[in-house]
Amino acid sequence: MMLPPAIAAYFNASGSDTLATAFAPTAQVLDEGETHIGPQAIAVWWQAAKAKYNHSATPIDHTTEGDKTIVRAHVQGDFPGSPLVLRFAFGLQDGLISSLRITA
């Protein structure tokens, strides 16, 4: 599956430092009712989620809705209902992720 490079980097990140480079300086992530702003805060959120849920996300497909790239991903880990399919709505700006909203 051909994803934009920053989105592919998000799903392939092996550490929070690698992940942070995919995000724009003012990027925002909305997940589980919380908003995380900026690459450093996003890296902290990602690392905490990995520690809590020990999860992995594998893209299934992607579409475009307006200015968003929507990726459906198979997510499995240590959480109720695992595995499940989540929706990742990415906004891109200058080749970097400017926004990400994760929903069921």
PDB file of N, CA and C in Angstrom:
ATOM      1  N   MET A   1       0.845  -1.169   0.000  1.00  0.00           N
ATOM      2  CA  MET A   1       0.000   0.000   0.000  1.00  0.00           C
ATOM      3  C   MET A   1       0.896   1.239   0.000  1.00  0.00           C
ATOM      4  N   MET A   2       0.604   2.172  -0.885  1.00  0.00           N
ATOM      5  CA  MET A   2       1.403   3.390  -1.010  1.00  0.00           C
ATOM      6  C   MET A   2       0.779   4.503  -0.167  1.00  0.00           C
ATOM      7  N   LEU A   3       1.369   4.753   0.986  1.00  0.00           N
ATOM      8  CA  LEU A   3       0.934   5.839   1.852  1.00  0.00           C
ATOM      9  C   LEU A   3       1.897   7.007   1.693  1.00  0.00           C
ATOM     10  N   PRO A   4       1.441   8.245   1.936  1.00  0.00           N
ATOM     11  CA  PRO A   4       2.378   9.360   1.950  1.00  0.00           C
ATOM     12  C   PRO A   4       3.512   9.060   2.939  1.00  0.00           C
ATOM     13  N   PRO A   5       4.737   9.505   2.649  1.00  0.00           N
ATOM     14  CA  PRO A   5       5.887   9.149   3.490  1.00  0.00           C
ATOM     15  C   PRO A   5       5.709   9.417   4.984  1.00  0.00           C
ATOM     16  N   ALA A   6       5.139  10.549   5.373  1.00  0.00           N
ATOM     17  CA  ALA A   6       4.981  10.852   6.802  1.00  0.00           C
ATOM     18  C   ALA A   6       4.010   9.880   7.469  1.00  0.00           C
ATOM     19  N   ILE A   7       2.953   9.493   6.753  1.00  0.00           N
ATOM     20  CA  ILE A   7       1.986   8.541   7.318  1.00  0.00           C
ATOM     21  C   ILE A   7       2.619   7.155   7.411  1.00  0.00           C
ATOM     22  N   ALA A   8       3.357   6.754   6.398  1.00  0.00           N
ATOM     23  CA  ALA A   8       4.076   5.477   6.461  1.00  0.00           C
ATOM     24  C   ALA A   8       5.053   5.484   7.632  1.00  0.00           C
ATOM     25  N   ALA A   9       5.729   6.618   7.858  1.00  0.00           N
ATOM     26  CA  ALA A   9       6.669   6.735   8.981  1.00  0.00           C
ATOM     27  C   ALA A   9       5.942   6.570  10.305  1.00  0.00           C
ATOM     28  N   TYR A  10       4.734   7.105  10.409  1.00  0.00           N
ATOM     29  CA  TYR A  10       3.944   6.962  11.637  1.00  0.00           C
ATOM     30  C   TYR A  10       3.695   5.482  11.926  1.00  0.00           C
ATOM     31  N   PHE A  11       3.230   4.748  10.939  1.00  0.00           N
ATOM     32  CA  PHE A  11       2.897   3.333  11.160  1.00  0.00           C
ATOM     33  C   PHE A  11       4.140   2.452  11.300  1.00  0.00           C
ATOM     34  N   ASN A  12       5.284   2.893  10.776  1.00  0.00           N
ATOM     35  CA  ASN A  12       6.504   2.092  10.839  1.00  0.00           C
ATOM     36  C   ASN A  12       7.457   2.516  11.947  1.00  0.00           C
ATOM     37  N   ALA A  13       7.084   3.531  12.718  1.00  0.00           N
ATOM     38  CA  ALA A  13       7.985   4.062  13.756  1.00  0.00           C
ATOM     39  C   ALA A  13       8.353   2.976  14.766  1.00  0.00           C
ATOM     40  N   SER A  14       9.637   2.910  15.070  1.00  0.00           N
ATOM     41  CA  SER A  14      10.100   1.949  16.066  1.00  0.00           C
ATOM     42  C   SER A  14      10.413   2.624  17.391  1.00  0.00           C
ATOM     43  N   GLY A  15      10.371   3.942  17.406  1.00  0.00           N
ATOM     44  CA  GLY A  15      10.629   4.686  18.629  1.00  0.00           C
ATOM     45  C   GLY A  15      10.033   6.071  18.542  1.00  0.00           C
ATOM     46  N   SER A  16       9.892   6.721  19.689  1.00  0.00           N
ATOM     47  CA  SER A  16       9.238   8.022  19.718  1.00  0.00           C
ATOM     48  C   SER A  16      10.029   9.092  18.977  1.00  0.00           C
ATOM     49  N   ASP A  17      11.366   8.983  18.928  1.00  0.00           N
ATOM     50  CA  ASP A  17      12.165   9.965  18.192  1.00  0.00           C
ATOM     51  C   ASP A  17      11.881   9.876  16.700  1.00  0.00           C
ATOM     52  N   THR A  18      11.809   8.671  16.168  1.00  0.00           N
ATOM     53  CA  THR A  18      11.490   8.464  14.763  1.00  0.00           C
ATOM     54  C   THR A  18      10.092   8.990  14.470  1.00  0.00           C
ATOM     55  N   LEU A  19       9.167   8.695  15.338  1.00  0.00           N
ATOM     56  CA  LEU A  19       7.790   9.134  15.165  1.00  0.00           C
ATOM     57  C   LEU A  19       7.701  10.655  15.126  1.00  0.00           C
ATOM     58  N   ALA A  20       8.369  11.338  16.023  1.00  0.00           N
ATOM     59  CA  ALA A  20       8.272  12.797  16.135  1.00  0.00           C
ATOM     60  C   ALA A  20       8.676  13.502  14.847  1.00  0.00           C
ATOM     61  N   THR A  21       9.599  12.936  14.088  1.00  0.00           N
ATOM     62  CA  THR A  21      10.063  13.589  12.860  1.00  0.00           C
ATOM     63  C   THR A  21       9.004  13.606  11.764  1.00  0.00           C
ATOM     64  N   ALA A  22       7.946  12.821  11.910  1.00  0.00           N
ATOM     65  CA  ALA A  22       6.872  12.783  10.909  1.00  0.00           C
ATOM     66  C   ALA A  22       5.858  13.905  11.120  1.00  0.00           C
ATOM     67  N   PHE A  23       5.936  14.628  12.256  1.00  0.00           N
ATOM     68  CA  PHE A  23       4.944  15.631  12.616  1.00  0.00           C
ATOM     69  C   PHE A  23       5.458  17.057  12.437  1.00  0.00           C
ATOM     70  N   ALA A  24       4.561  17.927  11.979  1.00  0.00           N
ATOM     71  CA  ALA A  24       4.858  19.351  11.846  1.00  0.00           C
ATOM     72  C   ALA A  24       5.006  19.979  13.236  1.00  0.00           C
ATOM     73  N   PRO A  25       5.697  21.118  13.342  1.00  0.00           N
ATOM     74  CA  PRO A  25       5.917  21.748  14.648  1.00  0.00           C
ATOM     75  C   PRO A  25       4.643  22.062  15.435  1.00  0.00           C
ATOM     76  N   THR A  26       3.555  22.357  14.763  1.00  0.00           N
ATOM     77  CA  THR A  26       2.300  22.689  15.456  1.00  0.00           C
ATOM     78  C   THR A  26       1.261  21.580  15.329  1.00  0.00           C
ATOM     79  N   ALA A  27       1.685  20.378  15.017  1.00  0.00           N
ATOM     80  CA  ALA A  27       0.766  19.255  14.821  1.00  0.00           C
ATOM     81  C   ALA A  27      -0.052  18.978  16.081  1.00  0.00           C
ATOM     82  N   GLN A  28      -1.260  18.445  15.846  1.00  0.00           N
ATOM     83  CA  GLN A  28      -2.145  18.064  16.944  1.00  0.00           C
ATOM     84  C   GLN A  28      -2.630  16.640  16.737  1.00  0.00           C
ATOM     85  N   VAL A  29      -2.632  15.877  17.827  1.00  0.00           N
ATOM     86  CA  VAL A  29      -3.181  14.524  17.804  1.00  0.00           C
ATOM     87  C   VAL A  29      -4.331  14.480  18.801  1.00  0.00           C
ATOM     88  N   LEU A  30      -5.476  13.973  18.349  1.00  0.00           N
ATOM     89  CA  LEU A  30      -6.626  13.772  19.223  1.00  0.00           C
ATOM     90  C   LEU A  30      -6.863  12.274  19.329  1.00  0.00           C
ATOM     91  N   ASP A  31      -6.756  11.763  20.550  1.00  0.00           N
ATOM     92  CA  ASP A  31      -6.936  10.328  20.799  1.00  0.00           C
ATOM     93  C   ASP A  31      -7.489  10.155  22.205  1.00  0.00           C
ATOM     94  N   GLU A  32      -8.488   9.315  22.348  1.00  0.00           N
ATOM     95  CA  GLU A  32      -9.107   9.017  23.642  1.00  0.00           C
ATOM     96  C   GLU A  32      -9.502  10.293  24.381  1.00  0.00           C
ATOM     97  N   GLY A  33     -10.020  11.283  23.641  1.00  0.00           N
ATOM     98  CA  GLY A  33     -10.504  12.514  24.250  1.00  0.00           C
ATOM     99  C   GLY A  33      -9.432  13.499  24.672  1.00  0.00           C
ATOM    100  N   GLU A  34      -8.190  13.208  24.403  1.00  0.00           N
ATOM    101  CA  GLU A  34      -7.070  14.084  24.771  1.00  0.00           C
ATOM    102  C   GLU A  34      -6.426  14.652  23.520  1.00  0.00           C
ATOM    103  N   THR A  35      -5.981  15.910  23.598  1.00  0.00           N
ATOM    104  CA  THR A  35      -5.270  16.541  22.489  1.00  0.00           C
ATOM    105  C   THR A  35      -3.812  16.735  22.885  1.00  0.00           C
ATOM    106  N   HIS A  36      -2.919  16.356  21.986  1.00  0.00           N
ATOM    107  CA  HIS A  36      -1.472  16.468  22.206  1.00  0.00           C
ATOM    108  C   HIS A  36      -0.933  17.361  21.094  1.00  0.00           C
ATOM    109  N   ILE A  37      -0.206  18.418  21.470  1.00  0.00           N
ATOM    110  CA  ILE A  37       0.231  19.418  20.498  1.00  0.00           C
ATOM    111  C   ILE A  37       1.754  19.483  20.433  1.00  0.00           C
ATOM    112  N   GLY A  38       2.278  19.389  19.217  1.00  0.00           N
ATOM    113  CA  GLY A  38       3.721  19.481  18.975  1.00  0.00           C
ATOM    114  C   GLY A  38       4.393  18.126  19.016  1.00  0.00           C
ATOM    115  N   PRO A  39       5.467  17.978  18.237  1.00  0.00           N
ATOM    116  CA  PRO A  39       6.148  16.675  18.137  1.00  0.00           C
ATOM    117  C   PRO A  39       6.601  16.093  19.477  1.00  0.00           C
ATOM    118  N   GLN A  40       7.074  16.932  20.392  1.00  0.00           N
ATOM    119  CA  GLN A  40       7.556  16.403  21.674  1.00  0.00           C
ATOM    120  C   GLN A  40       6.397  15.815  22.489  1.00  0.00           C
ATOM    121  N   ALA A  41       5.283  16.551  22.586  1.00  0.00           N
ATOM    122  CA  ALA A  41       4.121  16.045  23.326  1.00  0.00           C
ATOM    123  C   ALA A  41       3.538  14.808  22.643  1.00  0.00           C
ATOM    124  N   ILE A  42       3.556  14.802  21.322  1.00  0.00           N
ATOM    125  CA  ILE A  42       3.048  13.652  20.573  1.00  0.00           C
ATOM    126  C   ILE A  42       3.928  12.430  20.822  1.00  0.00           C
ATOM    127  N   ALA A  43       5.228  12.619  20.864  1.00  0.00           N
ATOM    128  CA  ALA A  43       6.146  11.506  21.144  1.00  0.00           C
ATOM    129  C   ALA A  43       5.900  10.948  22.552  1.00  0.00           C
ATOM    130  N   VAL A  44       5.663  11.827  23.528  1.00  0.00           N
ATOM    131  CA  VAL A  44       5.379  11.384  24.899  1.00  0.00           C
ATOM    132  C   VAL A  44       4.077  10.584  24.930  1.00  0.00           C
ATOM    133  N   TRP A  45       3.026  11.098  24.233  1.00  0.00           N
ATOM    134  CA  TRP A  45       1.745  10.384  24.154  1.00  0.00           C
ATOM    135  C   TRP A  45       1.944   9.007  23.538  1.00  0.00           C
ATOM    136  N   TRP A  46       2.660   8.937  22.411  1.00  0.00           N
ATOM    137  CA  TRP A  46       2.865   7.683  21.695  1.00  0.00           C
ATOM    138  C   TRP A  46       3.597   6.667  22.583  1.00  0.00           C
ATOM    139  N   GLN A  47       4.641   7.134  23.255  1.00  0.00           N
ATOM    140  CA  GLN A  47       5.421   6.244  24.119  1.00  0.00           C
ATOM    141  C   GLN A  47       4.563   5.720  25.271  1.00  0.00           C
ATOM    142  N   ALA A  48       3.750   6.595  25.877  1.00  0.00           N
ATOM    143  CA  ALA A  48       2.873   6.173  26.977  1.00  0.00           C
ATOM    144  C   ALA A  48       1.834   5.163  26.491  1.00  0.00           C
ATOM    145  N   ALA A  49       1.273   5.387  25.305  1.00  0.00           N
ATOM    146  CA  ALA A  49       0.290   4.451  24.752  1.00  0.00           C
ATOM    147  C   ALA A  49       0.935   3.099  24.471  1.00  0.00           C
ATOM    148  N   LYS A  50       2.155   3.117  23.931  1.00  0.00           N
ATOM    149  CA  LYS A  50       2.861   1.854  23.663  1.00  0.00           C
ATOM    150  C   LYS A  50       3.097   1.091  24.959  1.00  0.00           C
ATOM    151  N   ALA A  51       3.504   1.807  26.025  1.00  0.00           N
ATOM    152  CA  ALA A  51       3.769   1.164  27.307  1.00  0.00           C
ATOM    153  C   ALA A  51       2.478   0.604  27.921  1.00  0.00           C
ATOM    154  N   LYS A  52       1.395   1.358  27.801  1.00  0.00           N
ATOM    155  CA  LYS A  52       0.123   0.957  28.403  1.00  0.00           C
ATOM    156  C   LYS A  52      -0.548  -0.194  27.658  1.00  0.00           C
ATOM    157  N   TYR A  53      -0.567  -0.113  26.323  1.00  0.00           N
ATOM    158  CA  TYR A  53      -1.336  -1.064  25.534  1.00  0.00           C
ATOM    159  C   TYR A  53      -0.501  -2.102  24.795  1.00  0.00           C
ATOM    160  N   ASN A  54       0.811  -1.900  24.694  1.00  0.00           N
ATOM    161  CA  ASN A  54       1.673  -2.829  23.964  1.00  0.00           C
ATOM    162  C   ASN A  54       1.028  -3.198  22.622  1.00  0.00           C
ATOM    163  N   HIS A  55       0.663  -2.166  21.867  1.00  0.00           N
ATOM    164  CA  HIS A  55      -0.131  -2.379  20.660  1.00  0.00           C
ATOM    165  C   HIS A  55       0.666  -2.214  19.376  1.00  0.00           C
ATOM    166  N   SER A  56       0.081  -2.727  18.319  1.00  0.00           N
ATOM    167  CA  SER A  56       0.605  -2.525  16.971  1.00  0.00           C
ATOM    168  C   SER A  56      -0.570  -2.191  16.068  1.00  0.00           C
ATOM    169  N   ALA A  57      -0.277  -1.403  15.027  1.00  0.00           N
ATOM    170  CA  ALA A  57      -1.316  -0.998  14.071  1.00  0.00           C
ATOM    171  C   ALA A  57      -0.815  -1.294  12.667  1.00  0.00           C
ATOM    172  N   THR A  58      -1.617  -2.036  11.916  1.00  0.00           N
ATOM    173  CA  THR A  58      -1.283  -2.398  10.549  1.00  0.00           C
ATOM    174  C   THR A  58      -2.335  -1.823   9.607  1.00  0.00           C
ATOM    175  N   PRO A  59      -1.934  -0.910   8.716  1.00  0.00           N
ATOM    176  CA  PRO A  59      -2.912  -0.331   7.790  1.00  0.00           C
ATOM    177  C   PRO A  59      -3.593  -1.397   6.932  1.00  0.00           C
ATOM    178  N   ILE A  60      -4.907  -1.210   6.744  1.00  0.00           N
ATOM    179  CA  ILE A  60      -5.707  -2.102   5.909  1.00  0.00           C
ATOM    180  C   ILE A  60      -5.956  -1.447   4.556  1.00  0.00           C
ATOM    181  N   ASP A  61      -6.395  -0.193   4.603  1.00  0.00           N
ATOM    182  CA  ASP A  61      -6.676   0.557   3.381  1.00  0.00           C
ATOM    183  C   ASP A  61      -6.650   2.048   3.691  1.00  0.00           C
ATOM    184  N   HIS A  62      -6.727   2.851   2.630  1.00  0.00           N
ATOM    185  CA  HIS A  62      -6.780   4.296   2.843  1.00  0.00           C
ATOM    186  C   HIS A  62      -7.589   4.965   1.736  1.00  0.00           C
ATOM    187  N   THR A  63      -8.180   6.090   2.110  1.00  0.00           N
ATOM    188  CA  THR A  63      -8.970   6.892   1.185  1.00  0.00           C
ATOM    189  C   THR A  63      -8.678   8.364   1.476  1.00  0.00           C
ATOM    190  N   THR A  64      -9.215   9.215   0.629  1.00  0.00           N
ATOM    191  CA  THR A  64      -9.096  10.652   0.853  1.00  0.00           C
ATOM    192  C   THR A  64     -10.484  11.216   1.051  1.00  0.00           C
ATOM    193  N   GLU A  65     -10.655  12.022   2.106  1.00  0.00           N
ATOM    194  CA  GLU A  65     -11.907  12.720   2.373  1.00  0.00           C
ATOM    195  C   GLU A  65     -11.562  14.193   2.531  1.00  0.00           C
ATOM    196  N   GLY A  66     -11.855  15.000   1.512  1.00  0.00           N
ATOM    197  CA  GLY A  66     -11.480  16.412   1.548  1.00  0.00           C
ATOM    198  C   GLY A  66      -9.971  16.533   1.611  1.00  0.00           C
ATOM    199  N   ASP A  67      -9.468  17.202   2.637  1.00  0.00           N
ATOM    200  CA  ASP A  67      -8.022  17.377   2.784  1.00  0.00           C
ATOM    201  C   ASP A  67      -7.406  16.362   3.752  1.00  0.00           C
ATOM    202  N   LYS A  68      -8.140  15.318   4.104  1.00  0.00           N
ATOM    203  CA  LYS A  68      -7.657  14.303   5.044  1.00  0.00           C
ATOM    204  C   LYS A  68      -7.375  12.983   4.326  1.00  0.00           C
ATOM    205  N   THR A  69      -6.335  12.316   4.776  1.00  0.00           N
ATOM    206  CA  THR A  69      -6.061  10.946   4.355  1.00  0.00           C
ATOM    207  C   THR A  69      -6.558  10.048   5.474  1.00  0.00           C
ATOM    208  N   ILE A  70      -7.503   9.190   5.151  1.00  0.00           N
ATOM    209  CA  ILE A  70      -8.119   8.300   6.138  1.00  0.00           C
ATOM    210  C   ILE A  70      -7.512   6.913   5.973  1.00  0.00           C
ATOM    211  N   VAL A  71      -6.929   6.410   7.052  1.00  0.00           N
ATOM    212  CA  VAL A  71      -6.348   5.067   7.043  1.00  0.00           C
ATOM    213  C   VAL A  71      -7.116   4.226   8.059  1.00  0.00           C
ATOM    214  N   ARG A  72      -7.634   3.101   7.592  1.00  0.00           N
ATOM    215  CA  ARG A  72      -8.199   2.113   8.516  1.00  0.00           C
ATOM    216  C   ARG A  72      -7.083   1.134   8.827  1.00  0.00           C
ATOM    217  N   ALA A  73      -6.904   0.867  10.134  1.00  0.00           N
ATOM    218  CA  ALA A  73      -5.814  -0.015  10.540  1.00  0.00           C
ATOM    219  C   ALA A  73      -6.313  -1.055  11.537  1.00  0.00           C
ATOM    220  N   HIS A  74      -5.764  -2.238  11.403  1.00  0.00           N
ATOM    221  CA  HIS A  74      -6.010  -3.343  12.332  1.00  0.00           C
ATOM    222  C   HIS A  74      -5.092  -3.104  13.529  1.00  0.00           C
ATOM    223  N   VAL A  75      -5.684  -2.925  14.717  1.00  0.00           N
ATOM    224  CA  VAL A  75      -4.916  -2.617  15.919  1.00  0.00           C
ATOM    225  C   VAL A  75      -5.120  -3.743  16.919  1.00  0.00           C
ATOM    226  N   GLN A  76      -4.007  -4.255  17.423  1.00  0.00           N
ATOM    227  CA  GLN A  76      -4.091  -5.302  18.444  1.00  0.00           C
ATOM    228  C   GLN A  76      -3.117  -4.973  19.558  1.00  0.00           C
ATOM    229  N   GLY A  77      -3.498  -5.365  20.766  1.00  0.00           N
ATOM    230  CA  GLY A  77      -2.652  -5.102  21.921  1.00  0.00           C
ATOM    231  C   GLY A  77      -3.346  -5.521  23.199  1.00  0.00           C
ATOM    232  N   ASP A  78      -2.884  -4.968  24.304  1.00  0.00           N
ATOM    233  CA  ASP A  78      -3.401  -5.307  25.627  1.00  0.00           C
ATOM    234  C   ASP A  78      -4.499  -4.322  26.025  1.00  0.00           C
ATOM    235  N   PHE A  79      -5.658  -4.437  25.387  1.00  0.00           N
ATOM    236  CA  PHE A  79      -6.798  -3.582  25.708  1.00  0.00           C
ATOM    237  C   PHE A  79      -8.079  -4.350  25.409  1.00  0.00           C
ATOM    238  N   PRO A  80      -9.177  -3.996  26.094  1.00  0.00           N
ATOM    239  CA  PRO A  80     -10.443  -4.691  25.869  1.00  0.00           C
ATOM    240  C   PRO A  80     -10.884  -4.561  24.407  1.00  0.00           C
ATOM    241  N   GLY A  81     -11.373  -5.654  23.857  1.00  0.00           N
ATOM    242  CA  GLY A  81     -11.871  -5.660  22.488  1.00  0.00           C
ATOM    243  C   GLY A  81     -10.817  -5.924  21.437  1.00  0.00           C
ATOM    244  N   SER A  82      -9.573  -6.099  21.840  1.00  0.00           N
ATOM    245  CA  SER A  82      -8.488  -6.346  20.890  1.00  0.00           C
ATOM    246  C   SER A  82      -8.690  -7.704  20.237  1.00  0.00           C
ATOM    247  N   PRO A  83      -8.451  -7.780  18.942  1.00  0.00           N
ATOM    248  CA  PRO A  83      -8.086  -6.719  18.001  1.00  0.00           C
ATOM    249  C   PRO A  83      -9.322  -5.988  17.488  1.00  0.00           C
ATOM    250  N   LEU A  84      -9.083  -4.787  16.958  1.00  0.00           N
ATOM    251  CA  LEU A  84     -10.159  -4.030  16.352  1.00  0.00           C
ATOM    252  C   LEU A  84      -9.615  -3.150  15.234  1.00  0.00           C
ATOM    253  N   VAL A  85     -10.528  -2.563  14.483  1.00  0.00           N
ATOM    254  CA  VAL A  85     -10.139  -1.683  13.387  1.00  0.00           C
ATOM    255  C   VAL A  85     -10.396  -0.247  13.835  1.00  0.00           C
ATOM    256  N   LEU A  86      -9.353   0.592  13.765  1.00  0.00           N
ATOM    257  CA  LEU A  86      -9.475   2.005  14.102  1.00  0.00           C
ATOM    258  C   LEU A  86      -9.299   2.852  12.854  1.00  0.00           C
ATOM    259  N   ARG A  87      -9.832   4.064  12.917  1.00  0.00           N
ATOM    260  CA  ARG A  87      -9.775   5.023  11.815  1.00  0.00           C
ATOM    261  C   ARG A  87      -8.798   6.133  12.195  1.00  0.00           C
ATOM    262  N   PHE A  88      -7.807   6.326  11.366  1.00  0.00           N
ATOM    263  CA  PHE A  88      -6.792   7.354  11.571  1.00  0.00           C
ATOM    264  C   PHE A  88      -6.996   8.421  10.499  1.00  0.00           C
ATOM    265  N   ALA A  89      -7.396   9.630  10.891  1.00  0.00           N
ATOM    266  CA  ALA A  89      -7.633  10.721   9.944  1.00  0.00           C
ATOM    267  C   ALA A  89      -6.439  11.677  10.022  1.00  0.00           C
ATOM    268  N   PHE A  90      -5.610  11.654   8.987  1.00  0.00           N
ATOM    269  CA  PHE A  90      -4.392  12.457   8.939  1.00  0.00           C
ATOM    270  C   PHE A  90      -4.597  13.713   8.103  1.00  0.00           C
ATOM    271  N   GLY A  91      -4.128  14.838   8.615  1.00  0.00           N
ATOM    272  CA  GLY A  91      -3.975  16.047   7.828  1.00  0.00           C
ATOM    273  C   GLY A  91      -2.497  16.208   7.541  1.00  0.00           C
ATOM    274  N   LEU A  92      -2.159  16.615   6.339  1.00  0.00           N
ATOM    275  CA  LEU A  92      -0.761  16.787   5.950  1.00  0.00           C
ATOM    276  C   LEU A  92      -0.509  18.234   5.547  1.00  0.00           C
ATOM    277  N   GLN A  93       0.694  18.712   5.869  1.00  0.00           N
ATOM    278  CA  GLN A  93       1.112  20.049   5.462  1.00  0.00           C
ATOM    279  C   GLN A  93       2.611  19.999   5.198  1.00  0.00           C
ATOM    280  N   ASP A  94       2.992  20.400   4.001  1.00  0.00           N
ATOM    281  CA  ASP A  94       4.407  20.408   3.609  1.00  0.00           C
ATOM    282  C   ASP A  94       5.077  19.057   3.846  1.00  0.00           C
ATOM    283  N   GLY A  95       4.347  17.975   3.596  1.00  0.00           N
ATOM    284  CA  GLY A  95       4.904  16.634   3.697  1.00  0.00           C
ATOM    285  C   GLY A  95       4.961  16.067   5.108  1.00  0.00           C
ATOM    286  N   LEU A  96       4.470  16.816   6.103  1.00  0.00           N
ATOM    287  CA  LEU A  96       4.473  16.353   7.483  1.00  0.00           C
ATOM    288  C   LEU A  96       3.034  16.229   7.981  1.00  0.00           C
ATOM    289  N   ILE A  97       2.837  15.429   9.032  1.00  0.00           N
ATOM    290  CA  ILE A  97       1.521  15.282   9.630  1.00  0.00           C
ATOM    291  C   ILE A  97       1.220  16.544  10.421  1.00  0.00           C
ATOM    292  N   SER A  98       0.112  17.208  10.082  1.00  0.00           N
ATOM    293  CA  SER A  98      -0.301  18.417  10.802  1.00  0.00           C
ATOM    294  C   SER A  98      -1.417  18.121  11.800  1.00  0.00           C
ATOM    295  N   SER A  99      -2.157  17.036  11.552  1.00  0.00           N
ATOM    296  CA  SER A  99      -3.215  16.639  12.476  1.00  0.00           C
ATOM    297  C   SER A  99      -3.462  15.137  12.355  1.00  0.00           C
ATOM    298  N   LEU A 100      -3.904  14.558  13.454  1.00  0.00           N
ATOM    299  CA  LEU A 100      -4.270  13.143  13.475  1.00  0.00           C
ATOM    300  C   LEU A 100      -5.392  12.977  14.482  1.00  0.00           C
ATOM    301  N   ARG A 101      -6.462  12.363  14.025  1.00  0.00           N
ATOM    302  CA  ARG A 101      -7.580  12.031  14.910  1.00  0.00           C
ATOM    303  C   ARG A 101      -7.817  10.536  14.795  1.00  0.00           C
ATOM    304  N   ILE A 102      -7.792   9.841  15.939  1.00  0.00           N
ATOM    305  CA  ILE A 102      -7.963   8.387  15.967  1.00  0.00           C
ATOM    306  C   ILE A 102      -9.320   8.072  16.585  1.00  0.00           C
ATOM    307  N   THR A 103     -10.134   7.315  15.835  1.00  0.00           N
ATOM    308  CA  THR A 103     -11.465   6.945  16.300  1.00  0.00           C
ATOM    309  C   THR A 103     -11.765   5.489  15.966  1.00  0.00           C
ATOM    310  N   ALA A 104     -12.770   4.972  16.640  1.00  0.00           N
ATOM    311  CA  ALA A 104     -13.197   3.584  16.374  1.00  0.00           C
ATOM    312  C   ALA A 104     -14.065   3.525  15.145  1.00  0.00           C
TER     313      ALA A 104
END
